[in-house]
Amino acid sequence: MIKRLLQLSDTFMPLLALLAYAPVIRKIQGKDRIIPLYLLITFLIMFLSNVMADRYINNSYLYHAYSLIELVFFSIYIRKLTGDSSSLIKFILPLYILIWITNLLFFESYLKFNSNSSGIAYLMLIIYSLNYFLFLSRSEEIMTFQKSPAFWIVSGFLFYSVLNVLIATIYKYTFELSPSDKNLVFNFSYVSNIIKFILIIIGVLWYPHKYRSG
């Protein structure tokens, strides 16, 4: 039962986070609308992925697509938060798209799990997250950072990305691991995903304070 819940956490956790937005969805504006849309797309992709897996249908192409979609949404969100037009931040997404296409064409086809492009995507999510925290440290918002929805949301992505860089690397060599070790690797991935959405939900719970203060 617990194992099955962990396996389905990539579907029901974004749904729970999306439901947490329900009381404030009409109040949030601009950049704050990016994450609910991301959650909806995440839920739909992961729901379809799990349905296909249950029917023994190859769903690897969904993970290829999701790595790109997630990075696109997060890059837009971070750039809206920071207003950062540095060459590094502007360069990340085009570079990743080039890597993503190259990997798909020459290394990991849509029929294989995208351990290369997903691992690189996590690294780029980390760079975006650290860029936000650098921006936060220089802003007045740092005095009340714990009340900032963005702080919790970005923290969720950072935790998830750091752990999954390691997991994506290990995944490439799971043929050398015992079945119990493989399960442990996947369980870490499930847990990191759950924690990401819990932190997003905590961020959502601070939106009423943000808009009341604003």
C-alpha atoms as a PDB file:
ATOM      1  CA  MET A   1       0.000   0.000   0.000  1.00  0.00           C
ATOM      2  CA  ILE A   2       2.745   2.465   1.000  1.00  0.00           C
ATOM      3  CA  LYS A   3       4.806   1.525  -2.053  1.00  0.00           C
ATOM      4  CA  ARG A   4       1.827   2.167  -4.331  1.00  0.00           C
ATOM      5  CA  LEU A   5       1.158   5.540  -2.699  1.00  0.00           C
ATOM      6  CA  LEU A   6       4.776   6.499  -3.258  1.00  0.00           C
ATOM      7  CA  GLN A   7       4.518   5.476  -6.902  1.00  0.00           C
ATOM      8  CA  LEU A   8       1.393   7.605  -7.361  1.00  0.00           C
ATOM      9  CA  SER A   9       2.735  10.584  -5.415  1.00  0.00           C
ATOM     10  CA  ASP A  10       3.850  12.259  -8.646  1.00  0.00           C
ATOM     11  CA  THR A  11       0.153  12.453  -9.554  1.00  0.00           C
ATOM     12  CA  PHE A  12      -1.723  13.196  -6.331  1.00  0.00           C
ATOM     13  CA  MET A  13       0.819  15.623  -4.819  1.00  0.00           C
ATOM     14  CA  PRO A  14       0.573  18.203  -7.644  1.00  0.00           C
ATOM     15  CA  LEU A  15      -3.202  17.781  -7.445  1.00  0.00           C
ATOM     16  CA  LEU A  16      -3.128  18.532  -3.699  1.00  0.00           C
ATOM     17  CA  ALA A  17      -0.939  21.569  -4.344  1.00  0.00           C
ATOM     18  CA  LEU A  18      -3.340  22.709  -7.060  1.00  0.00           C
ATOM     19  CA  LEU A  19      -6.287  22.337  -4.680  1.00  0.00           C
ATOM     20  CA  ALA A  20      -4.406  24.452  -2.129  1.00  0.00           C
ATOM     21  CA  TYR A  21      -4.565  27.290  -4.657  1.00  0.00           C
ATOM     22  CA  ALA A  22      -8.384  27.142  -4.826  1.00  0.00           C
ATOM     23  CA  PRO A  23      -9.067  29.741  -2.070  1.00  0.00           C
ATOM     24  CA  VAL A  24      -6.621  32.280  -3.553  1.00  0.00           C
ATOM     25  CA  ILE A  25      -6.692  31.555  -7.283  1.00  0.00           C
ATOM     26  CA  ARG A  26      -8.809  34.650  -8.025  1.00  0.00           C
ATOM     27  CA  LYS A  27      -6.528  36.905  -5.988  1.00  0.00           C
ATOM     28  CA  ILE A  28      -3.133  35.924  -7.335  1.00  0.00           C
ATOM     29  CA  GLN A  29      -1.747  37.943 -10.209  1.00  0.00           C
ATOM     30  CA  GLY A  30       0.996  37.921 -12.812  1.00  0.00           C
ATOM     31  CA  LYS A  31       3.917  35.660 -11.993  1.00  0.00           C
ATOM     32  CA  ASP A  32       1.948  33.930  -9.217  1.00  0.00           C
ATOM     33  CA  ARG A  33      -0.285  32.320 -11.854  1.00  0.00           C
ATOM     34  CA  ILE A  34       2.623  30.440 -13.427  1.00  0.00           C
ATOM     35  CA  ILE A  35       2.901  27.760 -10.730  1.00  0.00           C
ATOM     36  CA  PRO A  36      -0.806  26.717 -10.733  1.00  0.00           C
ATOM     37  CA  LEU A  37      -0.568  26.179 -14.495  1.00  0.00           C
ATOM     38  CA  TYR A  38       2.620  24.174 -13.992  1.00  0.00           C
ATOM     39  CA  LEU A  39       0.862  22.039 -11.365  1.00  0.00           C
ATOM     40  CA  LEU A  40      -2.076  21.355 -13.675  1.00  0.00           C
ATOM     41  CA  ILE A  41       0.192  20.246 -16.528  1.00  0.00           C
ATOM     42  CA  THR A  42       2.273  18.150 -14.116  1.00  0.00           C
ATOM     43  CA  PHE A  43      -0.838  16.405 -12.827  1.00  0.00           C
ATOM     44  CA  LEU A  44      -2.100  15.633 -16.341  1.00  0.00           C
ATOM     45  CA  ILE A  45       1.257  14.314 -17.593  1.00  0.00           C
ATOM     46  CA  MET A  46       1.911  12.168 -14.528  1.00  0.00           C
ATOM     47  CA  PHE A  47      -1.641  10.835 -14.487  1.00  0.00           C
ATOM     48  CA  LEU A  48      -1.283   9.757 -18.113  1.00  0.00           C
ATOM     49  CA  SER A  49       2.172   8.327 -17.378  1.00  0.00           C
ATOM     50  CA  ASN A  50       0.858   6.159 -14.540  1.00  0.00           C
ATOM     51  CA  VAL A  51      -2.097   4.942 -16.601  1.00  0.00           C
ATOM     52  CA  MET A  52       0.282   3.921 -19.390  1.00  0.00           C
ATOM     53  CA  ALA A  53       2.665   2.228 -16.944  1.00  0.00           C
ATOM     54  CA  ASP A  54      -0.198   0.215 -15.450  1.00  0.00           C
ATOM     55  CA  ARG A  55      -1.008  -1.005 -18.961  1.00  0.00           C
ATOM     56  CA  TYR A  56       2.654  -1.761 -19.759  1.00  0.00           C
ATOM     57  CA  ILE A  57       2.786   0.964 -22.413  1.00  0.00           C
ATOM     58  CA  ASN A  58       6.099   2.751 -22.899  1.00  0.00           C
ATOM     59  CA  ASN A  59       5.754   6.227 -21.379  1.00  0.00           C
ATOM     60  CA  SER A  60       9.357   7.417 -21.681  1.00  0.00           C
ATOM     61  CA  TYR A  61       8.485  10.151 -24.180  1.00  0.00           C
ATOM     62  CA  LEU A  62       6.332  11.811 -21.516  1.00  0.00           C
ATOM     63  CA  TYR A  63       9.380  12.180 -19.275  1.00  0.00           C
ATOM     64  CA  HIS A  64      11.372  13.672 -22.146  1.00  0.00           C
ATOM     65  CA  ALA A  65       8.622  16.239 -22.633  1.00  0.00           C
ATOM     66  CA  TYR A  66       8.180  16.881 -18.926  1.00  0.00           C
ATOM     67  CA  SER A  67      11.854  17.717 -18.327  1.00  0.00           C
ATOM     68  CA  LEU A  68      11.609  20.462 -20.935  1.00  0.00           C
ATOM     69  CA  ILE A  69       8.185  21.699 -19.811  1.00  0.00           C
ATOM     70  CA  GLU A  70       9.220  21.912 -16.157  1.00  0.00           C
ATOM     71  CA  LEU A  71      12.355  23.906 -16.958  1.00  0.00           C
ATOM     72  CA  VAL A  72      10.440  26.285 -19.238  1.00  0.00           C
ATOM     73  CA  PHE A  73       7.850  27.049 -16.550  1.00  0.00           C
ATOM     74  CA  PHE A  74      10.427  27.443 -13.797  1.00  0.00           C
ATOM     75  CA  SER A  75      12.672  29.667 -15.915  1.00  0.00           C
ATOM     76  CA  ILE A  76       9.736  31.981 -16.640  1.00  0.00           C
ATOM     77  CA  TYR A  77       8.801  32.028 -12.957  1.00  0.00           C
ATOM     78  CA  ILE A  78      12.340  32.864 -11.781  1.00  0.00           C
ATOM     79  CA  ARG A  79      12.855  35.568 -14.377  1.00  0.00           C
ATOM     80  CA  LYS A  80       9.513  37.124 -13.416  1.00  0.00           C
ATOM     81  CA  LEU A  81      10.540  37.020  -9.749  1.00  0.00           C
ATOM     82  CA  THR A  82      13.998  38.490 -10.180  1.00  0.00           C
ATOM     83  CA  GLY A  83      13.669  40.560 -13.323  1.00  0.00           C
ATOM     84  CA  ASP A  84      17.156  39.238 -14.008  1.00  0.00           C
ATOM     85  CA  SER A  85      18.313  39.802 -17.558  1.00  0.00           C
ATOM     86  CA  SER A  86      21.864  38.561 -16.996  1.00  0.00           C
ATOM     87  CA  SER A  87      23.452  36.707 -19.887  1.00  0.00           C
ATOM     88  CA  LEU A  88      23.758  33.555 -17.744  1.00  0.00           C
ATOM     89  CA  ILE A  89      20.045  33.360 -16.975  1.00  0.00           C
ATOM     90  CA  LYS A  90      19.031  34.165 -20.561  1.00  0.00           C
ATOM     91  CA  PHE A  91      21.482  31.566 -21.863  1.00  0.00           C
ATOM     92  CA  ILE A  92      20.299  28.612 -19.746  1.00  0.00           C
ATOM     93  CA  LEU A  93      17.009  27.768 -21.452  1.00  0.00           C
ATOM     94  CA  PRO A  94      18.236  27.989 -25.090  1.00  0.00           C
ATOM     95  CA  LEU A  95      21.258  25.889 -24.116  1.00  0.00           C
ATOM     96  CA  TYR A  96      19.042  23.274 -22.507  1.00  0.00           C
ATOM     97  CA  ILE A  97      16.729  23.105 -25.537  1.00  0.00           C
ATOM     98  CA  LEU A  98      19.779  22.392 -27.712  1.00  0.00           C
ATOM     99  CA  ILE A  99      20.969  19.691 -25.286  1.00  0.00           C
ATOM    100  CA  TRP A 100      17.457  18.235 -25.062  1.00  0.00           C
ATOM    101  CA  ILE A 101      17.121  17.922 -28.858  1.00  0.00           C
ATOM    102  CA  THR A 102      20.647  16.503 -29.237  1.00  0.00           C
ATOM    103  CA  ASN A 103      20.029  13.911 -26.535  1.00  0.00           C
ATOM    104  CA  LEU A 104      16.712  12.906 -28.087  1.00  0.00           C
ATOM    105  CA  LEU A 105      18.173  12.519 -31.575  1.00  0.00           C
ATOM    106  CA  PHE A 106      21.516  10.882 -30.816  1.00  0.00           C
ATOM    107  CA  PHE A 107      21.663   9.415 -27.311  1.00  0.00           C
ATOM    108  CA  GLU A 108      18.329   8.624 -25.654  1.00  0.00           C
ATOM    109  CA  SER A 109      15.388   8.219 -28.006  1.00  0.00           C
ATOM    110  CA  TYR A 110      11.802   8.860 -26.963  1.00  0.00           C
ATOM    111  CA  LEU A 111      11.559   5.122 -26.178  1.00  0.00           C
ATOM    112  CA  LYS A 112      14.238   5.375 -23.469  1.00  0.00           C
ATOM    113  CA  PHE A 113      14.144   7.148 -20.124  1.00  0.00           C
ATOM    114  CA  ASN A 114      15.885  10.519 -20.437  1.00  0.00           C
ATOM    115  CA  SER A 115      18.492  10.207 -17.688  1.00  0.00           C
ATOM    116  CA  ASN A 116      20.843  12.584 -19.544  1.00  0.00           C
ATOM    117  CA  SER A 117      18.464  15.456 -20.220  1.00  0.00           C
ATOM    118  CA  SER A 118      16.642  15.093 -16.894  1.00  0.00           C
ATOM    119  CA  GLY A 119      19.923  15.212 -14.964  1.00  0.00           C
ATOM    120  CA  ILE A 120      20.998  18.349 -16.826  1.00  0.00           C
ATOM    121  CA  ALA A 121      17.551  19.888 -16.290  1.00  0.00           C
ATOM    122  CA  TYR A 122      17.923  19.394 -12.537  1.00  0.00           C
ATOM    123  CA  LEU A 123      21.304  21.153 -12.641  1.00  0.00           C
ATOM    124  CA  MET A 124      19.721  24.083 -14.442  1.00  0.00           C
ATOM    125  CA  LEU A 125      16.827  24.187 -11.973  1.00  0.00           C
ATOM    126  CA  ILE A 126      19.474  24.457  -9.239  1.00  0.00           C
ATOM    127  CA  ILE A 127      21.142  27.393 -11.031  1.00  0.00           C
ATOM    128  CA  TYR A 128      17.797  29.184 -11.386  1.00  0.00           C
ATOM    129  CA  SER A 129      16.991  28.534  -7.712  1.00  0.00           C
ATOM    130  CA  LEU A 130      20.354  29.831  -6.495  1.00  0.00           C
ATOM    131  CA  ASN A 131      19.921  32.898  -8.678  1.00  0.00           C
ATOM    132  CA  TYR A 132      16.618  33.600  -6.911  1.00  0.00           C
ATOM    133  CA  PHE A 133      18.156  33.182  -3.452  1.00  0.00           C
ATOM    134  CA  LEU A 134      20.975  35.564  -4.419  1.00  0.00           C
ATOM    135  CA  PHE A 135      18.334  38.075  -5.516  1.00  0.00           C
ATOM    136  CA  LEU A 136      16.376  37.520  -2.289  1.00  0.00           C
ATOM    137  CA  SER A 137      19.467  38.088  -0.129  1.00  0.00           C
ATOM    138  CA  ARG A 138      19.886  41.538  -1.700  1.00  0.00           C
ATOM    139  CA  SER A 139      16.241  42.596  -1.390  1.00  0.00           C
ATOM    140  CA  GLU A 140      14.198  43.989   1.500  1.00  0.00           C
ATOM    141  CA  GLU A 141      12.082  40.841   1.390  1.00  0.00           C
ATOM    142  CA  ILE A 142      14.916  38.938   3.083  1.00  0.00           C
ATOM    143  CA  MET A 143      13.738  40.375   6.426  1.00  0.00           C
ATOM    144  CA  THR A 144      10.481  38.412   6.157  1.00  0.00           C
ATOM    145  CA  PHE A 145      11.565  35.663   3.768  1.00  0.00           C
ATOM    146  CA  GLN A 146       9.669  32.968   5.689  1.00  0.00           C
ATOM    147  CA  LYS A 147       6.401  34.715   4.761  1.00  0.00           C
ATOM    148  CA  SER A 148       7.229  34.804   1.063  1.00  0.00           C
ATOM    149  CA  PRO A 149       5.363  32.249  -1.091  1.00  0.00           C
ATOM    150  CA  ALA A 150       8.203  32.317  -3.619  1.00  0.00           C
ATOM    151  CA  PHE A 151      10.775  31.390  -0.963  1.00  0.00           C
ATOM    152  CA  TRP A 152       8.955  28.153  -0.147  1.00  0.00           C
ATOM    153  CA  ILE A 153       8.150  27.332  -3.757  1.00  0.00           C
ATOM    154  CA  VAL A 154      11.739  27.805  -4.946  1.00  0.00           C
ATOM    155  CA  SER A 155      13.030  25.912  -1.886  1.00  0.00           C
ATOM    156  CA  GLY A 156      10.872  22.976  -2.966  1.00  0.00           C
ATOM    157  CA  PHE A 157      12.364  22.982  -6.448  1.00  0.00           C
ATOM    158  CA  LEU A 158      15.895  23.326  -5.080  1.00  0.00           C
ATOM    159  CA  PHE A 159      15.587  20.402  -2.652  1.00  0.00           C
ATOM    160  CA  TYR A 160      13.965  18.233  -5.325  1.00  0.00           C
ATOM    161  CA  SER A 161      16.580  19.134  -7.939  1.00  0.00           C
ATOM    162  CA  VAL A 162      19.645  18.565  -5.750  1.00  0.00           C
ATOM    163  CA  LEU A 163      18.474  15.107  -4.722  1.00  0.00           C
ATOM    164  CA  ASN A 164      17.394  14.163  -8.229  1.00  0.00           C
ATOM    165  CA  VAL A 165      20.724  15.118  -9.797  1.00  0.00           C
ATOM    166  CA  LEU A 166      22.173  12.290  -7.748  1.00  0.00           C
ATOM    167  CA  ILE A 167      19.253   9.991  -8.520  1.00  0.00           C
ATOM    168  CA  ALA A 168      19.425  10.648 -12.281  1.00  0.00           C
ATOM    169  CA  THR A 169      23.146   9.834 -12.208  1.00  0.00           C
ATOM    170  CA  ILE A 170      22.603   6.625 -10.259  1.00  0.00           C
ATOM    171  CA  TYR A 171      19.739   5.612 -12.570  1.00  0.00           C
ATOM    172  CA  LYS A 172      22.174   5.254 -15.472  1.00  0.00           C
ATOM    173  CA  TYR A 173      23.975   2.526 -13.518  1.00  0.00           C
ATOM    174  CA  THR A 174      21.055   0.700 -11.874  1.00  0.00           C
ATOM    175  CA  PHE A 175      21.928  -2.444 -13.821  1.00  0.00           C
ATOM    176  CA  GLU A 176      24.792  -2.810 -11.340  1.00  0.00           C
ATOM    177  CA  LEU A 177      22.501  -2.522  -8.315  1.00  0.00           C
ATOM    178  CA  SER A 178      20.529  -5.179  -6.504  1.00  0.00           C
ATOM    179  CA  PRO A 179      16.699  -5.025  -6.667  1.00  0.00           C
ATOM    180  CA  SER A 180      16.551  -3.685  -3.100  1.00  0.00           C
ATOM    181  CA  ASP A 181      19.038  -0.927  -3.957  1.00  0.00           C
ATOM    182  CA  LYS A 182      17.015  -0.019  -7.042  1.00  0.00           C
ATOM    183  CA  ASN A 183      13.893   0.306  -4.906  1.00  0.00           C
ATOM    184  CA  LEU A 184      15.794   2.526  -2.483  1.00  0.00           C
ATOM    185  CA  VAL A 185      16.878   4.822  -5.316  1.00  0.00           C
ATOM    186  CA  PHE A 186      13.321   5.153  -6.582  1.00  0.00           C
ATOM    187  CA  ASN A 187      11.980   5.721  -3.062  1.00  0.00           C
ATOM    188  CA  PHE A 188      14.367   8.648  -2.620  1.00  0.00           C
ATOM    189  CA  SER A 189      13.004  10.092  -5.855  1.00  0.00           C
ATOM    190  CA  TYR A 190       9.410   9.707  -4.684  1.00  0.00           C
ATOM    191  CA  VAL A 191      10.191  11.311  -1.309  1.00  0.00           C
ATOM    192  CA  SER A 192      12.013  14.259  -2.895  1.00  0.00           C
ATOM    193  CA  ASN A 193       8.993  14.849  -5.111  1.00  0.00           C
ATOM    194  CA  ILE A 194       6.608  14.722  -2.148  1.00  0.00           C
ATOM    195  CA  ILE A 195       8.725  17.214  -0.191  1.00  0.00           C
ATOM    196  CA  LYS A 196       8.832  19.548  -3.198  1.00  0.00           C
ATOM    197  CA  PHE A 197       5.050  19.733  -3.331  1.00  0.00           C
ATOM    198  CA  ILE A 198       4.724  20.052   0.449  1.00  0.00           C
ATOM    199  CA  LEU A 199       6.985  23.117   0.308  1.00  0.00           C
ATOM    200  CA  ILE A 200       4.946  24.492  -2.602  1.00  0.00           C
ATOM    201  CA  ILE A 201       1.773  24.038  -0.529  1.00  0.00           C
ATOM    202  CA  ILE A 202       3.392  25.891   2.394  1.00  0.00           C
ATOM    203  CA  GLY A 203       4.183  28.712  -0.026  1.00  0.00           C
ATOM    204  CA  VAL A 204       0.592  28.777  -1.270  1.00  0.00           C
ATOM    205  CA  LEU A 205      -0.654  29.117   2.321  1.00  0.00           C
ATOM    206  CA  TRP A 206       1.268  32.407   2.577  1.00  0.00           C
ATOM    207  CA  TYR A 207      -0.518  34.007  -0.393  1.00  0.00           C
ATOM    208  CA  PRO A 208      -3.381  35.470   1.709  1.00  0.00           C
ATOM    209  CA  HIS A 209      -0.762  37.240   3.864  1.00  0.00           C
ATOM    210  CA  LYS A 210       1.066  38.500   0.775  1.00  0.00           C
ATOM    211  CA  TYR A 211      -2.006  40.027  -0.856  1.00  0.00           C
ATOM    212  CA  ARG A 212      -3.379  41.337   2.437  1.00  0.00           C
ATOM    213  CA  SER A 213      -0.039  43.056   3.059  1.00  0.00           C
ATOM    214  CA  GLY A 214       0.125  44.292  -0.510  1.00  0.00           C
END
